[in-house]
Amino acid sequence: AQQEGLRVRTGYWNIKGKPIAILVDFSHYISEK
């Protein structure tokens, strides 16, 4: 994903059950809006 220019973080949503969460940073797309 990094090689493809995607900005993501993996981890867990800190709630009951703690499902996997991927957080997506889209700020670098502002210049391409």
Full PDB file with SEQRES, HELIX, SHEET, SSBOND, CRYST1, ORIGX, SCALE, CONECT and MASTER records, all heavy atoms in Angstrom:
SEQRES   1 A   33  ALA GLN GLN GLU GLY LEU ARG VAL ARG THR GLY TYR TRP          
SEQRES   2 A   33  ASN ILE LYS GLY LYS PRO ILE ALA ILE LEU VAL ASP PHE          
SEQRES   3 A   33  SER HIS TYR ILE SER GLU LYS                                  
HELIX    1 AA1 SER A   27  GLU A   32  5                                   6    
SHEET    1 AA1 2 VAL A   8  TYR A  12  0                                        
SHEET    2 AA1 2 ILE A  20  VAL A  24 -1                                        
CRYST1    1.000    1.000    1.000  90.00  90.00  90.00 P 1           1          
ORIGX1      1.000000  0.000000  0.000000        0.00000                         
ORIGX2      0.000000  1.000000  0.000000        0.00000                         
ORIGX3      0.000000  0.000000  1.000000        0.00000                         
SCALE1      1.000000  0.000000  0.000000        0.00000                         
SCALE2      0.000000  1.000000  0.000000        0.00000                         
SCALE3      0.000000  0.000000  1.000000        0.00000                         
ATOM      1  N   ALA A   1       0.823  -1.201   0.000  1.00  0.00           N  
ATOM      2  CA  ALA A   1       0.000   0.000   0.000  1.00  0.00           C  
ATOM      3  C   ALA A   1       0.862   1.258   0.000  1.00  0.00           C  
ATOM      4  O   ALA A   1       0.575   2.235  -0.706  1.00  0.00           O  
ATOM      5  CB  ALA A   1      -0.941  -0.010   1.210  1.00  0.00           C  
ATOM      6  N   GLN A   2       1.934   1.228   0.786  1.00  0.00           N  
ATOM      7  CA  GLN A   2       2.858   2.370   0.808  1.00  0.00           C  
ATOM      8  C   GLN A   2       3.470   2.596  -0.567  1.00  0.00           C  
ATOM      9  O   GLN A   2       3.580   3.733  -1.033  1.00  0.00           O  
ATOM     10  CB  GLN A   2       3.962   2.130   1.828  1.00  0.00           C  
ATOM     11  CG  GLN A   2       3.580   2.505   3.247  1.00  0.00           C  
ATOM     12  CD  GLN A   2       4.805   2.480   4.156  1.00  0.00           C  
ATOM     13  OE1 GLN A   2       5.752   1.730   3.942  1.00  0.00           O  
ATOM     14  NE2 GLN A   2       4.777   3.303   5.196  1.00  0.00           N  
ATOM     15  N   GLN A   3       3.875   1.523  -1.211  1.00  0.00           N  
ATOM     16  CA  GLN A   3       4.455   1.623  -2.544  1.00  0.00           C  
ATOM     17  C   GLN A   3       3.456   2.207  -3.544  1.00  0.00           C  
ATOM     18  O   GLN A   3       3.845   2.870  -4.503  1.00  0.00           O  
ATOM     19  CB  GLN A   3       4.925   0.245  -3.018  1.00  0.00           C  
ATOM     20  CG  GLN A   3       6.084  -0.329  -2.226  1.00  0.00           C  
ATOM     21  CD  GLN A   3       6.398  -1.764  -2.623  1.00  0.00           C  
ATOM     22  OE1 GLN A   3       5.925  -2.253  -3.641  1.00  0.00           O  
ATOM     23  NE2 GLN A   3       7.200  -2.447  -1.816  1.00  0.00           N  
ATOM     24  N   GLU A   4       2.175   1.946  -3.306  1.00  0.00           N  
ATOM     25  CA  GLU A   4       1.135   2.453  -4.203  1.00  0.00           C  
ATOM     26  C   GLU A   4       0.711   3.878  -3.856  1.00  0.00           C  
ATOM     27  O   GLU A   4      -0.184   4.433  -4.488  1.00  0.00           O  
ATOM     28  CB  GLU A   4      -0.071   1.519  -4.151  1.00  0.00           C  
ATOM     29  CG  GLU A   4       0.213   0.135  -4.717  1.00  0.00           C  
ATOM     30  CD  GLU A   4      -0.937  -0.832  -4.515  1.00  0.00           C  
ATOM     31  OE1 GLU A   4      -1.885  -0.498  -3.761  1.00  0.00           O  
ATOM     32  OE2 GLU A   4      -0.907  -1.927  -5.098  1.00  0.00           O  
ATOM     33  N   GLY A   5       1.332   4.448  -2.837  1.00  0.00           N  
ATOM     34  CA  GLY A   5       1.007   5.824  -2.462  1.00  0.00           C  
ATOM     35  C   GLY A   5      -0.204   5.963  -1.564  1.00  0.00           C  
ATOM     36  O   GLY A   5      -0.710   7.071  -1.374  1.00  0.00           O  
ATOM     37  N   LEU A   6      -0.657   4.846  -0.991  1.00  0.00           N  
ATOM     38  CA  LEU A   6      -1.795   4.883  -0.083  1.00  0.00           C  
ATOM     39  C   LEU A   6      -1.304   5.115   1.342  1.00  0.00           C  
ATOM     40  O   LEU A   6      -0.270   4.583   1.738  1.00  0.00           O  
ATOM     41  CB  LEU A   6      -2.580   3.571  -0.155  1.00  0.00           C  
ATOM     42  CG  LEU A   6      -3.105   3.188  -1.537  1.00  0.00           C  
ATOM     43  CD1 LEU A   6      -3.730   1.800  -1.509  1.00  0.00           C  
ATOM     44  CD2 LEU A   6      -4.110   4.218  -2.040  1.00  0.00           C  
ATOM     45  N   ARG A   7      -2.031   5.907   2.092  1.00  0.00           N  
ATOM     46  CA  ARG A   7      -1.654   6.219   3.467  1.00  0.00           C  
ATOM     47  C   ARG A   7      -2.673   5.582   4.404  1.00  0.00           C  
ATOM     48  O   ARG A   7      -3.796   6.081   4.551  1.00  0.00           O  
ATOM     49  CB  ARG A   7      -1.591   7.729   3.680  1.00  0.00           C  
ATOM     50  CG  ARG A   7      -0.548   8.422   2.798  1.00  0.00           C  
ATOM     51  CD  ARG A   7      -0.508   9.910   3.073  1.00  0.00           C  
ATOM     52  NE  ARG A   7       0.445  10.604   2.215  1.00  0.00           N  
ATOM     53  CZ  ARG A   7       0.650  11.922   2.230  1.00  0.00           C  
ATOM     54  NH1 ARG A   7      -0.039  12.683   3.089  1.00  0.00           N  
ATOM     55  NH2 ARG A   7       1.518  12.474   1.418  1.00  0.00           N  
ATOM     56  N   VAL A   8      -2.286   4.463   5.000  1.00  0.00           N  
ATOM     57  CA  VAL A   8      -3.201   3.732   5.870  1.00  0.00           C  
ATOM     58  C   VAL A   8      -2.489   3.310   7.146  1.00  0.00           C  
ATOM     59  O   VAL A   8      -1.263   3.181   7.168  1.00  0.00           O  
ATOM     60  CB  VAL A   8      -3.762   2.478   5.164  1.00  0.00           C  
ATOM     61  CG1 VAL A   8      -4.609   2.859   3.972  1.00  0.00           C  
ATOM     62  CG2 VAL A   8      -2.646   1.537   4.743  1.00  0.00           C  
ATOM     63  N   ARG A   9      -3.278   3.111   8.182  1.00  0.00           N  
ATOM     64  CA  ARG A   9      -2.780   2.523   9.425  1.00  0.00           C  
ATOM     65  C   ARG A   9      -3.700   1.369   9.796  1.00  0.00           C  
ATOM     66  O   ARG A   9      -4.934   1.474   9.647  1.00  0.00           O  
ATOM     67  CB  ARG A   9      -2.758   3.559  10.551  1.00  0.00           C  
ATOM     68  CG  ARG A   9      -1.715   4.652  10.358  1.00  0.00           C  
ATOM     69  CD  ARG A   9      -1.468   5.413  11.653  1.00  0.00           C  
ATOM     70  NE  ARG A   9      -2.608   6.227  12.043  1.00  0.00           N  
ATOM     71  CZ  ARG A   9      -2.838   6.635  13.292  1.00  0.00           C  
ATOM     72  NH1 ARG A   9      -2.018   6.268  14.271  1.00  0.00           N  
ATOM     73  NH2 ARG A   9      -3.883   7.390  13.577  1.00  0.00           N  
ATOM     74  N   THR A  10      -3.110   0.272  10.258  1.00  0.00           N  
ATOM     75  CA  THR A  10      -3.895  -0.878  10.673  1.00  0.00           C  
ATOM     76  C   THR A  10      -3.860  -1.011  12.184  1.00  0.00           C  
ATOM     77  O   THR A  10      -2.891  -0.634  12.839  1.00  0.00           O  
ATOM     78  CB  THR A  10      -3.341  -2.179  10.049  1.00  0.00           C  
ATOM     79  OG1 THR A  10      -1.949  -2.312  10.397  1.00  0.00           O  
ATOM     80  CG2 THR A  10      -3.483  -2.168   8.543  1.00  0.00           C  
ATOM     81  N   GLY A  11      -4.934  -1.559  12.717  1.00  0.00           N  
ATOM     82  CA  GLY A  11      -5.011  -1.757  14.160  1.00  0.00           C  
ATOM     83  C   GLY A  11      -6.385  -2.260  14.547  1.00  0.00           C  
ATOM     84  O   GLY A  11      -7.033  -2.987  13.783  1.00  0.00           O  
ATOM     85  N   TYR A  12      -6.843  -1.835  15.720  1.00  0.00           N  
ATOM     86  CA  TYR A  12      -8.127  -2.287  16.243  1.00  0.00           C  
ATOM     87  C   TYR A  12      -8.951  -1.092  16.705  1.00  0.00           C  
ATOM     88  O   TYR A  12      -8.421  -0.128  17.265  1.00  0.00           O  
ATOM     89  CB  TYR A  12      -7.918  -3.256  17.413  1.00  0.00           C  
ATOM     90  CG  TYR A  12      -7.188  -4.522  17.001  1.00  0.00           C  
ATOM     91  CD1 TYR A  12      -5.799  -4.606  17.131  1.00  0.00           C  
ATOM     92  CD2 TYR A  12      -7.879  -5.603  16.465  1.00  0.00           C  
ATOM     93  CE1 TYR A  12      -5.127  -5.753  16.747  1.00  0.00           C  
ATOM     94  CE2 TYR A  12      -7.210  -6.749  16.072  1.00  0.00           C  
ATOM     95  CZ  TYR A  12      -5.833  -6.824  16.212  1.00  0.00           C  
ATOM     96  OH  TYR A  12      -5.162  -7.954  15.807  1.00  0.00           O  
ATOM     97  N   TRP A  13     -10.239  -1.180  16.458  1.00  0.00           N  
ATOM     98  CA  TRP A  13     -11.169  -0.176  16.960  1.00  0.00           C  
ATOM     99  C   TRP A  13     -11.361  -0.467  18.443  1.00  0.00           C  
ATOM    100  O   TRP A  13     -11.770  -1.572  18.821  1.00  0.00           O  
ATOM    101  CB  TRP A  13     -12.478  -0.283  16.197  1.00  0.00           C  
ATOM    102  CG  TRP A  13     -13.460   0.822  16.464  1.00  0.00           C  
ATOM    103  CD1 TRP A  13     -13.348   1.856  17.346  1.00  0.00           C  
ATOM    104  CD2 TRP A  13     -14.724   0.979  15.808  1.00  0.00           C  
ATOM    105  NE1 TRP A  13     -14.458   2.667  17.285  1.00  0.00           N  
ATOM    106  CE2 TRP A  13     -15.323   2.152  16.364  1.00  0.00           C  
ATOM    107  CE3 TRP A  13     -15.403   0.261  14.839  1.00  0.00           C  
ATOM    108  CZ2 TRP A  13     -16.576   2.599  15.948  1.00  0.00           C  
ATOM    109  CZ3 TRP A  13     -16.649   0.710  14.427  1.00  0.00           C  
ATOM    110  CH2 TRP A  13     -17.232   1.870  14.970  1.00  0.00           C  
ATOM    111  N   ASN A  14     -11.057   0.476  19.289  1.00  0.00           N  
ATOM    112  CA  ASN A  14     -11.028   0.269  20.733  1.00  0.00           C  
ATOM    113  C   ASN A  14     -12.436   0.336  21.337  1.00  0.00           C  
ATOM    114  O   ASN A  14     -12.775   1.231  22.109  1.00  0.00           O  
ATOM    115  CB  ASN A  14     -10.107   1.307  21.391  1.00  0.00           C  
ATOM    116  CG  ASN A  14      -9.799   0.946  22.835  1.00  0.00           C  
ATOM    117  OD1 ASN A  14      -9.897  -0.200  23.233  1.00  0.00           O  
ATOM    118  ND2 ASN A  14      -9.419   1.949  23.617  1.00  0.00           N  
ATOM    119  N   ILE A  15     -13.241  -0.651  20.944  1.00  0.00           N  
ATOM    120  CA  ILE A  15     -14.586  -0.805  21.464  1.00  0.00           C  
ATOM    121  C   ILE A  15     -14.763  -2.271  21.843  1.00  0.00           C  
ATOM    122  O   ILE A  15     -13.865  -3.085  21.621  1.00  0.00           O  
ATOM    123  CB  ILE A  15     -15.653  -0.411  20.420  1.00  0.00           C  
ATOM    124  CG1 ILE A  15     -15.443  -1.226  19.142  1.00  0.00           C  
ATOM    125  CG2 ILE A  15     -15.630   1.086  20.141  1.00  0.00           C  
ATOM    126  CD1 ILE A  15     -16.528  -1.044  18.103  1.00  0.00           C  
ATOM    127  N   LYS A  16     -15.911  -2.613  22.411  1.00  0.00           N  
ATOM    128  CA  LYS A  16     -16.181  -3.998  22.744  1.00  0.00           C  
ATOM    129  C   LYS A  16     -16.095  -4.857  21.479  1.00  0.00           C  
ATOM    130  O   LYS A  16     -16.662  -4.520  20.439  1.00  0.00           O  
ATOM    131  CB  LYS A  16     -17.573  -4.123  23.360  1.00  0.00           C  
ATOM    132  CG  LYS A  16     -17.893  -5.520  23.876  1.00  0.00           C  
ATOM    133  CD  LYS A  16     -19.257  -5.547  24.544  1.00  0.00           C  
ATOM    134  CE  LYS A  16     -19.580  -6.943  25.052  1.00  0.00           C  
ATOM    135  NZ  LYS A  16     -20.916  -6.988  25.716  1.00  0.00           N  
ATOM    136  N   GLY A  17     -15.372  -5.950  21.555  1.00  0.00           N  
ATOM    137  CA  GLY A  17     -15.174  -6.805  20.393  1.00  0.00           C  
ATOM    138  C   GLY A  17     -13.895  -6.504  19.644  1.00  0.00           C  
ATOM    139  O   GLY A  17     -13.364  -7.354  18.949  1.00  0.00           O  
ATOM    140  N   LYS A  18     -13.430  -5.254  19.749  1.00  0.00           N  
ATOM    141  CA  LYS A  18     -12.176  -4.809  19.130  1.00  0.00           C  
ATOM    142  C   LYS A  18     -11.976  -5.358  17.702  1.00  0.00           C  
ATOM    143  O   LYS A  18     -11.042  -6.114  17.430  1.00  0.00           O  
ATOM    144  CB  LYS A  18     -10.984  -5.167  20.008  1.00  0.00           C  
ATOM    145  CG  LYS A  18     -10.934  -4.338  21.301  1.00  0.00           C  
ATOM    146  CD  LYS A  18      -9.691  -4.597  22.102  1.00  0.00           C  
ATOM    147  CE  LYS A  18      -9.523  -3.574  23.216  1.00  0.00           C  
ATOM    148  NZ  LYS A  18     -10.686  -3.423  24.097  1.00  0.00           N  
ATOM    149  N   PRO A  19     -12.849  -4.943  16.771  1.00  0.00           N  
ATOM    150  CA  PRO A  19     -12.670  -5.388  15.390  1.00  0.00           C  
ATOM    151  C   PRO A  19     -11.448  -4.726  14.756  1.00  0.00           C  
ATOM    152  O   PRO A  19     -11.004  -3.655  15.194  1.00  0.00           O  
ATOM    153  CB  PRO A  19     -13.953  -4.915  14.702  1.00  0.00           C  
ATOM    154  CG  PRO A  19     -14.378  -3.711  15.494  1.00  0.00           C  
ATOM    155  CD  PRO A  19     -14.002  -4.029  16.918  1.00  0.00           C  
ATOM    156  N   ILE A  20     -10.924  -5.362  13.733  1.00  0.00           N  
ATOM    157  CA  ILE A  20      -9.829  -4.752  12.976  1.00  0.00           C  
ATOM    158  C   ILE A  20     -10.312  -3.447  12.362  1.00  0.00           C  
ATOM    159  O   ILE A  20     -11.445  -3.334  11.889  1.00  0.00           O  
ATOM    160  CB  ILE A  20      -9.333  -5.706  11.876  1.00  0.00           C  
ATOM    161  CG1 ILE A  20      -8.586  -6.891  12.496  1.00  0.00           C  
ATOM    162  CG2 ILE A  20      -8.427  -4.990  10.878  1.00  0.00           C  
ATOM    163  CD1 ILE A  20      -8.147  -7.927  11.497  1.00  0.00           C  
ATOM    164  N   ALA A  21      -9.449  -2.450  12.378  1.00  0.00           N  
ATOM    165  CA  ALA A  21      -9.767  -1.163  11.771  1.00  0.00           C  
ATOM    166  C   ALA A  21      -8.618  -0.730  10.866  1.00  0.00           C  
ATOM    167  O   ALA A  21      -7.441  -0.913  11.206  1.00  0.00           O  
ATOM    168  CB  ALA A  21     -10.025  -0.102  12.843  1.00  0.00           C  
ATOM    169  N   ILE A  22      -8.973  -0.199   9.729  1.00  0.00           N  
ATOM    170  CA  ILE A  22      -8.010   0.459   8.849  1.00  0.00           C  
ATOM    171  C   ILE A  22      -8.394   1.929   8.786  1.00  0.00           C  
ATOM    172  O   ILE A  22      -9.530   2.264   8.419  1.00  0.00           O  
ATOM    173  CB  ILE A  22      -8.018  -0.143   7.431  1.00  0.00           C  
ATOM    174  CG1 ILE A  22      -7.590  -1.608   7.451  1.00  0.00           C  
ATOM    175  CG2 ILE A  22      -7.111   0.663   6.498  1.00  0.00           C  
ATOM    176  CD1 ILE A  22      -7.670  -2.299   6.093  1.00  0.00           C  
ATOM    177  N   LEU A  23      -7.482   2.784   9.198  1.00  0.00           N  
ATOM    178  CA  LEU A  23      -7.722   4.223   9.094  1.00  0.00           C  
ATOM    179  C   LEU A  23      -7.041   4.753   7.838  1.00  0.00           C  
ATOM    180  O   LEU A  23      -5.883   4.422   7.556  1.00  0.00           O  
ATOM    181  CB  LEU A  23      -7.196   4.952  10.330  1.00  0.00           C  
ATOM    182  CG  LEU A  23      -7.884   4.612  11.660  1.00  0.00           C  
ATOM    183  CD1 LEU A  23      -7.439   5.584  12.745  1.00  0.00           C  
ATOM    184  CD2 LEU A  23      -9.408   4.622  11.527  1.00  0.00           C  
ATOM    185  N   VAL A  24      -7.777   5.581   7.106  1.00  0.00           N  
ATOM    186  CA  VAL A  24      -7.332   6.059   5.804  1.00  0.00           C  
ATOM    187  C   VAL A  24      -7.075   7.561   5.866  1.00  0.00           C  
ATOM    188  O   VAL A  24      -7.977   8.346   6.173  1.00  0.00           O  
ATOM    189  CB  VAL A  24      -8.381   5.758   4.718  1.00  0.00           C  
ATOM    190  CG1 VAL A  24      -7.921   6.268   3.362  1.00  0.00           C  
ATOM    191  CG2 VAL A  24      -8.660   4.255   4.662  1.00  0.00           C  
ATOM    192  N   ASP A  25      -5.849   7.950   5.595  1.00  0.00           N  
ATOM    193  CA  ASP A  25      -5.475   9.359   5.480  1.00  0.00           C  
ATOM    194  C   ASP A  25      -5.630   9.759   4.015  1.00  0.00           C  
ATOM    195  O   ASP A  25      -4.951   9.228   3.141  1.00  0.00           O  
ATOM    196  CB  ASP A  25      -4.028   9.551   5.948  1.00  0.00           C  
ATOM    197  CG  ASP A  25      -3.519  10.975   5.717  1.00  0.00           C  
ATOM    198  OD1 ASP A  25      -4.328  11.868   5.388  1.00  0.00           O  
ATOM    199  OD2 ASP A  25      -2.298  11.172   5.852  1.00  0.00           O  
ATOM    200  N   PHE A  26      -6.546  10.683   3.758  1.00  0.00           N  
ATOM    201  CA  PHE A  26      -6.815  11.105   2.379  1.00  0.00           C  
ATOM    202  C   PHE A  26      -6.328  12.520   2.103  1.00  0.00           C  
ATOM    203  O   PHE A  26      -6.596  13.089   1.038  1.00  0.00           O  
ATOM    204  CB  PHE A  26      -8.314  11.007   2.085  1.00  0.00           C  
ATOM    205  CG  PHE A  26      -9.181  11.798   3.048  1.00  0.00           C  
ATOM    206  CD1 PHE A  26      -9.538  13.110   2.769  1.00  0.00           C  
ATOM    207  CD2 PHE A  26      -9.621  11.231   4.233  1.00  0.00           C  
ATOM    208  CE1 PHE A  26     -10.329  13.839   3.648  1.00  0.00           C  
ATOM    209  CE2 PHE A  26     -10.402  11.953   5.127  1.00  0.00           C  
ATOM    210  CZ  PHE A  26     -10.762  13.265   4.831  1.00  0.00           C  
ATOM    211  N   SER A  27      -5.582  13.094   3.050  1.00  0.00           N  
ATOM    212  CA  SER A  27      -5.196  14.504   2.929  1.00  0.00           C  
ATOM    213  C   SER A  27      -4.317  14.769   1.707  1.00  0.00           C  
ATOM    214  O   SER A  27      -4.344  15.868   1.139  1.00  0.00           O  
ATOM    215  CB  SER A  27      -4.477  14.971   4.202  1.00  0.00           C  
ATOM    216  OG  SER A  27      -3.296  14.218   4.426  1.00  0.00           O  
ATOM    217  N   HIS A  28      -3.519  13.768   1.288  1.00  0.00           N  
ATOM    218  CA  HIS A  28      -2.632  13.994   0.147  1.00  0.00           C  
ATOM    219  C   HIS A  28      -3.396  14.082  -1.169  1.00  0.00           C  
ATOM    220  O   HIS A  28      -2.829  14.491  -2.177  1.00  0.00           O  
ATOM    221  CB  HIS A  28      -1.583  12.877   0.063  1.00  0.00           C  
ATOM    222  CG  HIS A  28      -2.149  11.501  -0.058  1.00  0.00           C  
ATOM    223  ND1 HIS A  28      -2.962  10.944   0.905  1.00  0.00           N  
ATOM    224  CD2 HIS A  28      -2.022  10.553  -1.025  1.00  0.00           C  
ATOM    225  CE1 HIS A  28      -3.299   9.714   0.543  1.00  0.00           C  
ATOM    226  NE2 HIS A  28      -2.748   9.464  -0.627  1.00  0.00           N  
ATOM    227  N   TYR A  29      -4.681  13.710  -1.148  1.00  0.00           N  
ATOM    228  CA  TYR A  29      -5.483  13.819  -2.367  1.00  0.00           C  
ATOM    229  C   TYR A  29      -6.048  15.228  -2.568  1.00  0.00           C  
ATOM    230  O   TYR A  29      -6.646  15.508  -3.608  1.00  0.00           O  
ATOM    231  CB  TYR A  29      -6.632  12.812  -2.344  1.00  0.00           C  
ATOM    232  CG  TYR A  29      -6.199  11.388  -2.608  1.00  0.00           C  
ATOM    233  CD1 TYR A  29      -6.510  10.368  -1.716  1.00  0.00           C  
ATOM    234  CD2 TYR A  29      -5.481  11.055  -3.748  1.00  0.00           C  
ATOM    235  CE1 TYR A  29      -6.113   9.066  -1.929  1.00  0.00           C  
ATOM    236  CE2 TYR A  29      -5.072   9.758  -3.986  1.00  0.00           C  
ATOM    237  CZ  TYR A  29      -5.392   8.759  -3.076  1.00  0.00           C  
ATOM    238  OH  TYR A  29      -5.002   7.469  -3.309  1.00  0.00           O  
ATOM    239  N   ILE A  30      -5.870  16.081  -1.560  1.00  0.00           N  
ATOM    240  CA  ILE A  30      -6.404  17.449  -1.702  1.00  0.00           C  
ATOM    241  C   ILE A  30      -5.784  18.148  -2.907  1.00  0.00           C  
ATOM    242  O   ILE A  30      -6.475  18.859  -3.661  1.00  0.00           O  
ATOM    243  CB  ILE A  30      -6.162  18.258  -0.408  1.00  0.00           C  
ATOM    244  CG1 ILE A  30      -6.989  17.674   0.739  1.00  0.00           C  
ATOM    245  CG2 ILE A  30      -6.513  19.730  -0.614  1.00  0.00           C  
ATOM    246  CD1 ILE A  30      -6.716  18.296   2.092  1.00  0.00           C  
ATOM    247  N   SER A  31      -4.500  17.918  -3.121  1.00  0.00           N  
ATOM    248  CA  SER A  31      -3.835  18.555  -4.270  1.00  0.00           C  
ATOM    249  C   SER A  31      -4.319  17.989  -5.603  1.00  0.00           C  
ATOM    250  O   SER A  31      -4.100  18.600  -6.651  1.00  0.00           O  
ATOM    251  CB  SER A  31      -2.311  18.377  -4.153  1.00  0.00           C  
ATOM    252  OG  SER A  31      -1.969  16.997  -4.173  1.00  0.00           O  
ATOM    253  N   GLU A  32      -4.990  16.845  -5.558  1.00  0.00           N  
ATOM    254  CA  GLU A  32      -5.503  16.217  -6.774  1.00  0.00           C  
ATOM    255  C   GLU A  32      -7.024  16.305  -6.867  1.00  0.00           C  
ATOM    256  O   GLU A  32      -7.654  15.616  -7.672  1.00  0.00           O  
ATOM    257  CB  GLU A  32      -5.089  14.739  -6.818  1.00  0.00           C  
ATOM    258  CG  GLU A  32      -3.598  14.494  -6.776  1.00  0.00           C  
ATOM    259  CD  GLU A  32      -3.278  13.006  -6.694  1.00  0.00           C  
ATOM    260  OE1 GLU A  32      -4.010  12.197  -7.293  1.00  0.00           O  
ATOM    261  OE2 GLU A  32      -2.298  12.652  -6.007  1.00  0.00           O  
ATOM    262  N   LYS A  33      -7.619  17.166  -6.050  1.00  0.00           N  
ATOM    263  CA  LYS A  33      -9.078  17.166  -5.952  1.00  0.00           C  
ATOM    264  C   LYS A  33      -9.763  17.469  -7.280  1.00  0.00           C  
ATOM    265  O   LYS A  33     -10.812  16.878  -7.589  1.00  0.00           O  
ATOM    266  CB  LYS A  33      -9.562  18.128  -4.871  1.00  0.00           C  
ATOM    267  CG  LYS A  33      -9.335  19.604  -5.126  1.00  0.00           C  
ATOM    268  CD  LYS A  33      -9.854  20.429  -3.960  1.00  0.00           C  
ATOM    269  CE  LYS A  33      -9.625  21.910  -4.160  1.00  0.00           C  
ATOM    270  NZ  LYS A  33     -10.374  22.460  -5.323  1.00  0.00           N  
TER     271      LYS A  33                                                      
MASTER        0    0    0    1    2    0    0    6  270    1    0    3          
END                                                                             
